[in-house]
Amino acid sequence: MLGTLSKRFSCSKSAPSTSIAPVEDQIEEMRETINKLNVELLEKANKEKTLEEKMLQLMENHDHQSQDMRQPMQEQSEQIHQQNELMQCILQHLHIQSIIPAPTPSTT
């Protein structure tokens, strides 16, 4: 559309006209074209802004989901660690119990 506008403008400059009316018509047509281009530009800018906002929202949602997934995993890891420590204590206790000789009945 901009190429058409430039072509029309250059044609209107190079061709001498005998009346002002065609030039005014061309100028009005150029104004309309410029207005249409400005509207298109604003629409594109608005769409781009909307897409950027959606992208930011998606990234924020992803971060929250990742964080929500990490927290239970950390809690589960901590629980496993605590269970492991408890099992180590139990095994250690059992090992000590098996080393201590059982009391022998006294024969007096």
PDB file of N, CA and C in Angstrom:
ATOM      1  N   MET A   1       0.830  -1.178   0.000  1.00  0.00           N
ATOM      2  CA  MET A   1       0.000   0.000   0.000  1.00  0.00           C
ATOM      3  C   MET A   1       0.884   1.255   0.000  1.00  0.00           C
ATOM      4  N   LEU A   2       1.989   1.225   0.732  1.00  0.00           N
ATOM      5  CA  LEU A   2       2.879   2.377   0.784  1.00  0.00           C
ATOM      6  C   LEU A   2       3.523   2.617  -0.584  1.00  0.00           C
ATOM      7  N   GLY A   3       3.843   1.512  -1.302  1.00  0.00           N
ATOM      8  CA  GLY A   3       4.409   1.642  -2.645  1.00  0.00           C
ATOM      9  C   GLY A   3       3.445   2.326  -3.586  1.00  0.00           C
ATOM     10  N   THR A   4       2.180   1.971  -3.479  1.00  0.00           N
ATOM     11  CA  THR A   4       1.146   2.591  -4.307  1.00  0.00           C
ATOM     12  C   THR A   4       1.047   4.070  -3.996  1.00  0.00           C
ATOM     13  N   LEU A   5       1.112   4.382  -2.710  1.00  0.00           N
ATOM     14  CA  LEU A   5       1.049   5.774  -2.279  1.00  0.00           C
ATOM     15  C   LEU A   5       2.215   6.570  -2.861  1.00  0.00           C
ATOM     16  N   SER A   6       3.429   6.017  -2.790  1.00  0.00           N
ATOM     17  CA  SER A   6       4.611   6.703  -3.324  1.00  0.00           C
ATOM     18  C   SER A   6       4.506   6.904  -4.823  1.00  0.00           C
ATOM     19  N   LYS A   7       4.030   5.864  -5.515  1.00  0.00           N
ATOM     20  CA  LYS A   7       3.905   5.929  -6.974  1.00  0.00           C
ATOM     21  C   LYS A   7       2.914   7.025  -7.372  1.00  0.00           C
ATOM     22  N   ARG A   8       1.777   7.041  -6.646  1.00  0.00           N
ATOM     23  CA  ARG A   8       0.771   8.064  -6.957  1.00  0.00           C
ATOM     24  C   ARG A   8       1.325   9.468  -6.703  1.00  0.00           C
ATOM     25  N   PHE A   9       2.087   9.586  -5.609  1.00  0.00           N
ATOM     26  CA  PHE A   9       2.645  10.892  -5.274  1.00  0.00           C
ATOM     27  C   PHE A   9       3.635  11.340  -6.337  1.00  0.00           C
ATOM     28  N   SER A  10       4.518  10.434  -6.755  1.00  0.00           N
ATOM     29  CA  SER A  10       5.517  10.816  -7.757  1.00  0.00           C
ATOM     30  C   SER A  10       4.854  11.122  -9.102  1.00  0.00           C
ATOM     31  N   CYS A  11       3.817  10.389  -9.433  1.00  0.00           N
ATOM     32  CA  CYS A  11       3.107  10.662 -10.682  1.00  0.00           C
ATOM     33  C   CYS A  11       2.439  12.029 -10.629  1.00  0.00           C
ATOM     34  N   SER A  12       1.886  12.349  -9.456  1.00  0.00           N
ATOM     35  CA  SER A  12       1.183  13.633  -9.341  1.00  0.00           C
ATOM     36  C   SER A  12       2.173  14.800  -9.385  1.00  0.00           C
ATOM     37  N   LYS A  13       3.406  14.593  -8.966  1.00  0.00           N
ATOM     38  CA  LYS A  13       4.404  15.665  -9.001  1.00  0.00           C
ATOM     39  C   LYS A  13       4.933  15.877 -10.423  1.00  0.00           C
ATOM     40  N   SER A  14       5.132  14.781 -11.149  1.00  0.00           N
ATOM     41  CA  SER A  14       5.759  14.889 -12.458  1.00  0.00           C
ATOM     42  C   SER A  14       4.775  15.313 -13.546  1.00  0.00           C
ATOM     43  N   ALA A  15       3.506  15.030 -13.361  1.00  0.00           N
ATOM     44  CA  ALA A  15       2.529  15.382 -14.397  1.00  0.00           C
ATOM     45  C   ALA A  15       1.907  16.732 -14.073  1.00  0.00           C
ATOM     46  N   PRO A  16       2.163  17.733 -14.903  1.00  0.00           N
ATOM     47  CA  PRO A  16       1.553  19.045 -14.632  1.00  0.00           C
ATOM     48  C   PRO A  16       0.046  18.959 -14.872  1.00  0.00           C
ATOM     49  N   SER A  17      -0.694  19.501 -13.939  1.00  0.00           N
ATOM     50  CA  SER A  17      -2.153  19.443 -14.103  1.00  0.00           C
ATOM     51  C   SER A  17      -2.682  20.836 -14.372  1.00  0.00           C
ATOM     52  N   THR A  18      -3.775  20.852 -15.067  1.00  0.00           N
ATOM     53  CA  THR A  18      -4.369  22.130 -15.434  1.00  0.00           C
ATOM     54  C   THR A  18      -5.360  22.612 -14.396  1.00  0.00           C
ATOM     55  N   SER A  19      -5.835  21.671 -13.571  1.00  0.00           N
ATOM     56  CA  SER A  19      -6.786  22.112 -12.549  1.00  0.00           C
ATOM     57  C   SER A  19      -6.345  21.599 -11.181  1.00  0.00           C
ATOM     58  N   ILE A  20      -6.826  22.234 -10.155  1.00  0.00           N
ATOM     59  CA  ILE A  20      -6.455  21.886  -8.791  1.00  0.00           C
ATOM     60  C   ILE A  20      -7.283  20.710  -8.267  1.00  0.00           C
ATOM     61  N   ALA A  21      -8.434  20.485  -8.808  1.00  0.00           N
ATOM     62  CA  ALA A  21      -9.335  19.436  -8.320  1.00  0.00           C
ATOM     63  C   ALA A  21      -8.698  18.049  -8.329  1.00  0.00           C
ATOM     64  N   PRO A  22      -8.043  17.609  -9.423  1.00  0.00           N
ATOM     65  CA  PRO A  22      -7.431  16.275  -9.382  1.00  0.00           C
ATOM     66  C   PRO A  22      -6.332  16.175  -8.316  1.00  0.00           C
ATOM     67  N   VAL A  23      -5.589  17.230  -8.111  1.00  0.00           N
ATOM     68  CA  VAL A  23      -4.534  17.233  -7.098  1.00  0.00           C
ATOM     69  C   VAL A  23      -5.165  17.117  -5.708  1.00  0.00           C
ATOM     70  N   GLU A  24      -6.227  17.852  -5.495  1.00  0.00           N
ATOM     71  CA  GLU A  24      -6.918  17.765  -4.203  1.00  0.00           C
ATOM     72  C   GLU A  24      -7.468  16.363  -3.980  1.00  0.00           C
ATOM     73  N   ASP A  25      -7.997  15.767  -5.048  1.00  0.00           N
ATOM     74  CA  ASP A  25      -8.499  14.396  -4.942  1.00  0.00           C
ATOM     75  C   ASP A  25      -7.367  13.435  -4.579  1.00  0.00           C
ATOM     76  N   GLN A  26      -6.221  13.628  -5.224  1.00  0.00           N
ATOM     77  CA  GLN A  26      -5.070  12.778  -4.938  1.00  0.00           C
ATOM     78  C   GLN A  26      -4.605  12.962  -3.490  1.00  0.00           C
ATOM     79  N   ILE A  27      -4.581  14.210  -3.048  1.00  0.00           N
ATOM     80  CA  ILE A  27      -4.167  14.489  -1.670  1.00  0.00           C
ATOM     81  C   ILE A  27      -5.147  13.841  -0.691  1.00  0.00           C
ATOM     82  N   GLU A  28      -6.414  13.940  -0.972  1.00  0.00           N
ATOM     83  CA  GLU A  28      -7.434  13.330  -0.107  1.00  0.00           C
ATOM     84  C   GLU A  28      -7.276  11.806  -0.098  1.00  0.00           C
ATOM     85  N   GLU A  29      -7.024  11.240  -1.264  1.00  0.00           N
ATOM     86  CA  GLU A  29      -6.820   9.793  -1.359  1.00  0.00           C
ATOM     87  C   GLU A  29      -5.580   9.373  -0.557  1.00  0.00           C
ATOM     88  N   MET A  30      -4.544  10.201  -0.642  1.00  0.00           N
ATOM     89  CA  MET A  30      -3.319   9.912   0.108  1.00  0.00           C
ATOM     90  C   MET A  30      -3.581   9.996   1.611  1.00  0.00           C
ATOM     91  N   ARG A  31      -4.380  10.982   2.029  1.00  0.00           N
ATOM     92  CA  ARG A  31      -4.737  11.093   3.449  1.00  0.00           C
ATOM     93  C   ARG A  31      -5.469   9.850   3.923  1.00  0.00           C
ATOM     94  N   GLU A  32      -6.426   9.407   3.106  1.00  0.00           N
ATOM     95  CA  GLU A  32      -7.189   8.205   3.459  1.00  0.00           C
ATOM     96  C   GLU A  32      -6.265   6.991   3.576  1.00  0.00           C
ATOM     97  N   THR A  33      -5.350   6.898   2.634  1.00  0.00           N
ATOM     98  CA  THR A  33      -4.397   5.781   2.656  1.00  0.00           C
ATOM     99  C   THR A  33      -3.523   5.855   3.905  1.00  0.00           C
ATOM    100  N   ILE A  34      -3.062   7.055   4.227  1.00  0.00           N
ATOM    101  CA  ILE A  34      -2.237   7.228   5.436  1.00  0.00           C
ATOM    102  C   ILE A  34      -3.037   6.873   6.682  1.00  0.00           C
ATOM    103  N   ASN A  35      -4.288   7.300   6.722  1.00  0.00           N
ATOM    104  CA  ASN A  35      -5.139   6.961   7.870  1.00  0.00           C
ATOM    105  C   ASN A  35      -5.336   5.453   7.991  1.00  0.00           C
ATOM    106  N   LYS A  36      -5.568   4.788   6.854  1.00  0.00           N
ATOM    107  CA  LYS A  36      -5.734   3.330   6.866  1.00  0.00           C
ATOM    108  C   LYS A  36      -4.454   2.658   7.386  1.00  0.00           C
ATOM    109  N   LEU A  37      -3.313   3.144   6.899  1.00  0.00           N
ATOM    110  CA  LEU A  37      -2.036   2.573   7.340  1.00  0.00           C
ATOM    111  C   LEU A  37      -1.823   2.795   8.834  1.00  0.00           C
ATOM    112  N   ASN A  38      -2.186   3.974   9.319  1.00  0.00           N
ATOM    113  CA  ASN A  38      -2.056   4.255  10.757  1.00  0.00           C
ATOM    114  C   ASN A  38      -2.949   3.331  11.581  1.00  0.00           C
ATOM    115  N   VAL A  39      -4.167   3.096  11.096  1.00  0.00           N
ATOM    116  CA  VAL A  39      -5.088   2.193  11.799  1.00  0.00           C
ATOM    117  C   VAL A  39      -4.501   0.780  11.828  1.00  0.00           C
ATOM    118  N   GLU A  40      -3.993   0.324  10.686  1.00  0.00           N
ATOM    119  CA  GLU A  40      -3.378  -1.012  10.624  1.00  0.00           C
ATOM    120  C   GLU A  40      -2.195  -1.106  11.587  1.00  0.00           C
ATOM    121  N   LEU A  41      -1.389  -0.057  11.621  1.00  0.00           N
ATOM    122  CA  LEU A  41      -0.225  -0.041  12.503  1.00  0.00           C
ATOM    123  C   LEU A  41      -0.647  -0.124  13.964  1.00  0.00           C
ATOM    124  N   LEU A  42      -1.672   0.633  14.333  1.00  0.00           N
ATOM    125  CA  LEU A  42      -2.174   0.578  15.709  1.00  0.00           C
ATOM    126  C   LEU A  42      -2.731  -0.799  16.042  1.00  0.00           C
ATOM    127  N   GLU A  43      -3.466  -1.397  15.107  1.00  0.00           N
ATOM    128  CA  GLU A  43      -4.007  -2.731  15.327  1.00  0.00           C
ATOM    129  C   GLU A  43      -2.881  -3.749  15.544  1.00  0.00           C
ATOM    130  N   LYS A  44      -1.854  -3.656  14.727  1.00  0.00           N
ATOM    131  CA  LYS A  44      -0.714  -4.568  14.866  1.00  0.00           C
ATOM    132  C   LYS A  44      -0.002  -4.350  16.194  1.00  0.00           C
ATOM    133  N   ALA A  45       0.146  -3.100  16.591  1.00  0.00           N
ATOM    134  CA  ALA A  45       0.802  -2.805  17.866  1.00  0.00           C
ATOM    135  C   ALA A  45      -0.016  -3.360  19.027  1.00  0.00           C
ATOM    136  N   ASN A  46      -1.343  -3.217  18.937  1.00  0.00           N
ATOM    137  CA  ASN A  46      -2.213  -3.759  19.986  1.00  0.00           C
ATOM    138  C   ASN A  46      -2.141  -5.283  20.040  1.00  0.00           C
ATOM    139  N   LYS A  47      -2.138  -5.925  18.877  1.00  0.00           N
ATOM    140  CA  LYS A  47      -2.024  -7.385  18.834  1.00  0.00           C
ATOM    141  C   LYS A  47      -0.694  -7.824  19.431  1.00  0.00           C
ATOM    142  N   GLU A  48       0.371  -7.115  19.094  1.00  0.00           N
ATOM    143  CA  GLU A  48       1.694  -7.458  19.618  1.00  0.00           C
ATOM    144  C   GLU A  48       1.725  -7.317  21.142  1.00  0.00           C
ATOM    145  N   LYS A  49       1.129  -6.246  21.631  1.00  0.00           N
ATOM    146  CA  LYS A  49       1.085  -6.030  23.075  1.00  0.00           C
ATOM    147  C   LYS A  49       0.297  -7.140  23.755  1.00  0.00           C
ATOM    148  N   THR A  50      -0.832  -7.525  23.171  1.00  0.00           N
ATOM    149  CA  THR A  50      -1.652  -8.601  23.719  1.00  0.00           C
ATOM    150  C   THR A  50      -0.870  -9.912  23.737  1.00  0.00           C
ATOM    151  N   LEU A  51      -0.161 -10.187  22.654  1.00  0.00           N
ATOM    152  CA  LEU A  51       0.644 -11.412  22.592  1.00  0.00           C
ATOM    153  C   LEU A  51       1.755 -11.400  23.636  1.00  0.00           C
ATOM    154  N   GLU A  52       2.383 -10.256  23.834  1.00  0.00           N
ATOM    155  CA  GLU A  52       3.432 -10.147  24.852  1.00  0.00           C
ATOM    156  C   GLU A  52       2.860 -10.397  26.241  1.00  0.00           C
ATOM    157  N   GLU A  53       1.680  -9.837  26.510  1.00  0.00           N
ATOM    158  CA  GLU A  53       1.046 -10.045  27.812  1.00  0.00           C
ATOM    159  C   GLU A  53       0.694 -11.513  28.019  1.00  0.00           C
ATOM    160  N   LYS A  54       0.174 -12.155  26.961  1.00  0.00           N
ATOM    161  CA  LYS A  54      -0.149 -13.584  27.059  1.00  0.00           C
ATOM    162  C   LYS A  54       1.111 -14.406  27.304  1.00  0.00           C
ATOM    163  N   MET A  55       2.190 -14.049  26.618  1.00  0.00           N
ATOM    164  CA  MET A  55       3.453 -14.774  26.784  1.00  0.00           C
ATOM    165  C   MET A  55       3.969 -14.626  28.219  1.00  0.00           C
ATOM    166  N   LEU A  56       3.909 -13.417  28.743  1.00  0.00           N
ATOM    167  CA  LEU A  56       4.346 -13.193  30.124  1.00  0.00           C
ATOM    168  C   LEU A  56       3.495 -14.001  31.104  1.00  0.00           C
ATOM    169  N   GLN A  57       2.185 -14.045  30.858  1.00  0.00           N
ATOM    170  CA  GLN A  57       1.282 -14.809  31.726  1.00  0.00           C
ATOM    171  C   GLN A  57       1.604 -16.296  31.654  1.00  0.00           C
ATOM    172  N   LEU A  58       1.858 -16.794  30.441  1.00  0.00           N
ATOM    173  CA  LEU A  58       2.220 -18.205  30.285  1.00  0.00           C
ATOM    174  C   LEU A  58       3.525 -18.528  31.015  1.00  0.00           C
ATOM    175  N   MET A  59       4.496 -17.627  30.890  1.00  0.00           N
ATOM    176  CA  MET A  59       5.771 -17.855  31.569  1.00  0.00           C
ATOM    177  C   MET A  59       5.589 -17.838  33.083  1.00  0.00           C
ATOM    178  N   GLU A  60       4.768 -16.923  33.567  1.00  0.00           N
ATOM    179  CA  GLU A  60       4.501 -16.842  35.005  1.00  0.00           C
ATOM    180  C   GLU A  60       3.787 -18.102  35.490  1.00  0.00           C
ATOM    181  N   ASN A  61       2.803 -18.571  34.719  1.00  0.00           N
ATOM    182  CA  ASN A  61       2.100 -19.808  35.074  1.00  0.00           C
ATOM    183  C   ASN A  61       3.058 -20.991  35.102  1.00  0.00           C
ATOM    184  N   HIS A  62       3.952 -21.040  34.125  1.00  0.00           N
ATOM    185  CA  HIS A  62       4.926 -22.134  34.076  1.00  0.00           C
ATOM    186  C   HIS A  62       5.834 -22.108  35.303  1.00  0.00           C
ATOM    187  N   ASP A  63       6.271 -20.903  35.684  1.00  0.00           N
ATOM    188  CA  ASP A  63       7.121 -20.769  36.867  1.00  0.00           C
ATOM    189  C   ASP A  63       6.392 -21.251  38.123  1.00  0.00           C
ATOM    190  N   HIS A  64       5.113 -20.873  38.244  1.00  0.00           N
ATOM    191  CA  HIS A  64       4.330 -21.302  39.411  1.00  0.00           C
ATOM    192  C   HIS A  64       4.155 -22.821  39.418  1.00  0.00           C
ATOM    193  N   GLN A  65       3.880 -23.400  38.245  1.00  0.00           N
ATOM    194  CA  GLN A  65       3.706 -24.847  38.166  1.00  0.00           C
ATOM    195  C   GLN A  65       5.003 -25.564  38.521  1.00  0.00           C
ATOM    196  N   SER A  66       6.099 -25.043  38.025  1.00  0.00           N
ATOM    197  CA  SER A  66       7.399 -25.660  38.334  1.00  0.00           C
ATOM    198  C   SER A  66       7.674 -25.587  39.828  1.00  0.00           C
ATOM    199  N   GLN A  67       7.375 -24.440  40.398  1.00  0.00           N
ATOM    200  CA  GLN A  67       7.595 -24.258  41.835  1.00  0.00           C
ATOM    201  C   GLN A  67       6.671 -25.181  42.631  1.00  0.00           C
ATOM    202  N   ASP A  68       5.424 -25.281  42.196  1.00  0.00           N
ATOM    203  CA  ASP A  68       4.469 -26.160  42.872  1.00  0.00           C
ATOM    204  C   ASP A  68       4.911 -27.620  42.797  1.00  0.00           C
ATOM    205  N   MET A  69       5.553 -27.993  41.703  1.00  0.00           N
ATOM    206  CA  MET A  69       6.029 -29.372  41.558  1.00  0.00           C
ATOM    207  C   MET A  69       7.283 -29.608  42.394  1.00  0.00           C
ATOM    208  N   ARG A  70       8.148 -28.594  42.482  1.00  0.00           N
ATOM    209  CA  ARG A  70       9.394 -28.754  43.233  1.00  0.00           C
ATOM    210  C   ARG A  70       9.140 -28.907  44.721  1.00  0.00           C
ATOM    211  N   GLN A  71       8.179 -28.164  45.247  1.00  0.00           N
ATOM    212  CA  GLN A  71       7.938 -28.180  46.690  1.00  0.00           C
ATOM    213  C   GLN A  71       7.557 -29.577  47.187  1.00  0.00           C
ATOM    214  N   PRO A  72       6.582 -30.277  46.582  1.00  0.00           N
ATOM    215  CA  PRO A  72       6.285 -31.634  47.055  1.00  0.00           C
ATOM    216  C   PRO A  72       7.465 -32.583  46.889  1.00  0.00           C
ATOM    217  N   MET A  73       8.235 -32.385  45.834  1.00  0.00           N
ATOM    218  CA  MET A  73       9.399 -33.247  45.624  1.00  0.00           C
ATOM    219  C   MET A  73      10.425 -33.019  46.729  1.00  0.00           C
ATOM    220  N   GLN A  74      10.618 -31.778  47.130  1.00  0.00           N
ATOM    221  CA  GLN A  74      11.545 -31.488  48.219  1.00  0.00           C
ATOM    222  C   GLN A  74      11.045 -32.078  49.524  1.00  0.00           C
ATOM    223  N   GLU A  75       9.737 -31.955  49.757  1.00  0.00           N
ATOM    224  CA  GLU A  75       9.163 -32.527  50.973  1.00  0.00           C
ATOM    225  C   GLU A  75       9.308 -34.044  50.971  1.00  0.00           C
ATOM    226  N   GLN A  76       9.050 -34.646  49.823  1.00  0.00           N
ATOM    227  CA  GLN A  76       9.176 -36.097  49.712  1.00  0.00           C
ATOM    228  C   GLN A  76      10.632 -36.520  49.923  1.00  0.00           C
ATOM    229  N   SER A  77      11.548 -35.779  49.379  1.00  0.00           N
ATOM    230  CA  SER A  77      12.964 -36.077  49.555  1.00  0.00           C
ATOM    231  C   SER A  77      13.356 -35.970  51.028  1.00  0.00           C
ATOM    232  N   GLU A  78      12.830 -34.960  51.700  1.00  0.00           N
ATOM    233  CA  GLU A  78      13.116 -34.797  53.124  1.00  0.00           C
ATOM    234  C   GLU A  78      12.541 -35.958  53.929  1.00  0.00           C
ATOM    235  N   GLN A  79      11.330 -36.386  53.585  1.00  0.00           N
ATOM    236  CA  GLN A  79      10.716 -37.531  54.275  1.00  0.00           C
ATOM    237  C   GLN A  79      11.545 -38.799  54.069  1.00  0.00           C
ATOM    238  N   ILE A  80      12.008 -39.007  52.860  1.00  0.00           N
ATOM    239  CA  ILE A  80      12.846 -40.184  52.573  1.00  0.00           C
ATOM    240  C   ILE A  80      14.129 -40.117  53.381  1.00  0.00           C
ATOM    241  N   HIS A  81      14.705 -38.942  53.463  1.00  0.00           N
ATOM    242  CA  HIS A  81      15.935 -38.771  54.245  1.00  0.00           C
ATOM    243  C   HIS A  81      15.680 -39.092  55.723  1.00  0.00           C
ATOM    244  N   GLN A  82      14.567 -38.595  56.255  1.00  0.00           N
ATOM    245  CA  GLN A  82      14.238 -38.880  57.660  1.00  0.00           C
ATOM    246  C   GLN A  82      14.001 -40.372  57.880  1.00  0.00           C
ATOM    247  N   GLN A  83      13.300 -41.016  56.952  1.00  0.00           N
ATOM    248  CA  GLN A  83      13.065 -42.462  57.069  1.00  0.00           C
ATOM    249  C   GLN A  83      14.376 -43.232  57.001  1.00  0.00           C
ATOM    250  N   ASN A  84      15.268 -42.770  56.150  1.00  0.00           N
ATOM    251  CA  ASN A  84      16.574 -43.411  56.032  1.00  0.00           C
ATOM    252  C   ASN A  84      17.344 -43.305  57.351  1.00  0.00           C
ATOM    253  N   GLU A  85      17.325 -42.127  57.960  1.00  0.00           N
ATOM    254  CA  GLU A  85      17.998 -41.948  59.249  1.00  0.00           C
ATOM    255  C   GLU A  85      17.380 -42.848  60.316  1.00  0.00           C
ATOM    256  N   LEU A  86      16.057 -42.955  60.331  1.00  0.00           N
ATOM    257  CA  LEU A  86      15.375 -43.812  61.291  1.00  0.00           C
ATOM    258  C   LEU A  86      15.770 -45.273  61.085  1.00  0.00           C
ATOM    259  N   MET A  87      15.808 -45.704  59.838  1.00  0.00           N
ATOM    260  CA  MET A  87      16.208 -47.087  59.539  1.00  0.00           C
ATOM    261  C   MET A  87      17.653 -47.328  59.973  1.00  0.00           C
ATOM    262  N   GLN A  88      18.510 -46.361  59.766  1.00  0.00           N
ATOM    263  CA  GLN A  88      19.901 -46.504  60.199  1.00  0.00           C
ATOM    264  C   GLN A  88      19.970 -46.667  61.721  1.00  0.00           C
ATOM    265  N   CYS A  89      19.179 -45.873  62.430  1.00  0.00           N
ATOM    266  CA  CYS A  89      19.154 -45.985  63.897  1.00  0.00           C
ATOM    267  C   CYS A  89      18.650 -47.365  64.320  1.00  0.00           C
ATOM    268  N   ILE A  90      17.589 -47.843  63.670  1.00  0.00           N
ATOM    269  CA  ILE A  90      17.033 -49.162  64.009  1.00  0.00           C
ATOM    270  C   ILE A  90      18.061 -50.252  63.731  1.00  0.00           C
ATOM    271  N   LEU A  91      18.706 -50.181  62.581  1.00  0.00           N
ATOM    272  CA  LEU A  91      19.715 -51.192  62.240  1.00  0.00           C
ATOM    273  C   LEU A  91      20.890 -51.145  63.218  1.00  0.00           C
ATOM    274  N   GLN A  92      21.279 -49.956  63.567  1.00  0.00           N
ATOM    275  CA  GLN A  92      22.367 -49.806  64.522  1.00  0.00           C
ATOM    276  C   GLN A  92      21.965 -50.424  65.865  1.00  0.00           C
ATOM    277  N   HIS A  93      20.763 -50.162  66.305  1.00  0.00           N
ATOM    278  CA  HIS A  93      20.268 -50.708  67.573  1.00  0.00           C
ATOM    279  C   HIS A  93      20.213 -52.238  67.510  1.00  0.00           C
ATOM    280  N   LEU A  94      19.706 -52.769  66.390  1.00  0.00           N
ATOM    281  CA  LEU A  94      19.632 -54.228  66.243  1.00  0.00           C
ATOM    282  C   LEU A  94      21.027 -54.845  66.235  1.00  0.00           C
ATOM    283  N   HIS A  95      21.939 -54.175  65.587  1.00  0.00           N
ATOM    284  CA  HIS A  95      23.297 -54.690  65.522  1.00  0.00           C
ATOM    285  C   HIS A  95      23.912 -54.725  66.926  1.00  0.00           C
ATOM    286  N   ILE A  96      23.708 -53.686  67.706  1.00  0.00           N
ATOM    287  CA  ILE A  96      24.218 -53.644  69.083  1.00  0.00           C
ATOM    288  C   ILE A  96      23.567 -54.736  69.906  1.00  0.00           C
ATOM    289  N   GLN A  97      22.273 -54.957  69.742  1.00  0.00           N
ATOM    290  CA  GLN A  97      21.563 -55.986  70.505  1.00  0.00           C
ATOM    291  C   GLN A  97      22.104 -57.372  70.168  1.00  0.00           C
ATOM    292  N   SER A  98      22.464 -57.581  68.890  1.00  0.00           N
ATOM    293  CA  SER A  98      22.956 -58.910  68.521  1.00  0.00           C
ATOM    294  C   SER A  98      24.381 -59.133  69.016  1.00  0.00           C
ATOM    295  N   ILE A  99      25.137 -58.088  69.251  1.00  0.00           N
ATOM    296  CA  ILE A  99      26.497 -58.228  69.756  1.00  0.00           C
ATOM    297  C   ILE A  99      26.498 -58.519  71.251  1.00  0.00           C
ATOM    298  N   ILE A 100      25.605 -57.908  72.008  1.00  0.00           N
ATOM    299  CA  ILE A 100      25.557 -58.120  73.456  1.00  0.00           C
ATOM    300  C   ILE A 100      25.141 -59.568  73.711  1.00  0.00           C
ATOM    301  N   PRO A 101      25.955 -60.277  74.436  1.00  0.00           N
ATOM    302  CA  PRO A 101      25.593 -61.674  74.693  1.00  0.00           C
ATOM    303  C   PRO A 101      24.339 -61.749  75.564  1.00  0.00           C
ATOM    304  N   ALA A 102      23.557 -62.727  75.270  1.00  0.00           N
ATOM    305  CA  ALA A 102      22.354 -62.934  76.069  1.00  0.00           C
ATOM    306  C   ALA A 102      22.774 -63.368  77.465  1.00  0.00           C
ATOM    307  N   PRO A 103      22.078 -62.877  78.477  1.00  0.00           N
ATOM    308  CA  PRO A 103      22.460 -63.253  79.857  1.00  0.00           C
ATOM    309  C   PRO A 103      22.245 -64.766  80.047  1.00  0.00           C
ATOM    310  N   THR A 104      23.237 -65.371  80.651  1.00  0.00           N
ATOM    311  CA  THR A 104      23.163 -66.810  80.913  1.00  0.00           C
ATOM    312  C   THR A 104      22.472 -67.041  82.256  1.00  0.00           C
ATOM    313  N   PRO A 105      21.648 -68.026  82.298  1.00  0.00           N
ATOM    314  CA  PRO A 105      20.954 -68.288  83.563  1.00  0.00           C
ATOM    315  C   PRO A 105      21.994 -68.705  84.628  1.00  0.00           C
ATOM    316  N   SER A 106      21.886 -68.143  85.799  1.00  0.00           N
ATOM    317  CA  SER A 106      22.840 -68.460  86.859  1.00  0.00           C
ATOM    318  C   SER A 106      22.430 -69.765  87.558  1.00  0.00           C
ATOM    319  N   THR A 107      23.401 -70.564  87.858  1.00  0.00           N
ATOM    320  CA  THR A 107      23.148 -71.864  88.520  1.00  0.00           C
ATOM    321  C   THR A 107      23.711 -71.819  89.915  1.00  0.00           C
ATOM    322  N   THR A 108      23.065 -71.260  90.787  1.00  0.00           N
ATOM    323  CA  THR A 108      23.507 -71.229  92.186  1.00  0.00           C
ATOM    324  C   THR A 108      22.688 -72.025  93.082  1.00  0.00           C
TER     325      THR A 108
END
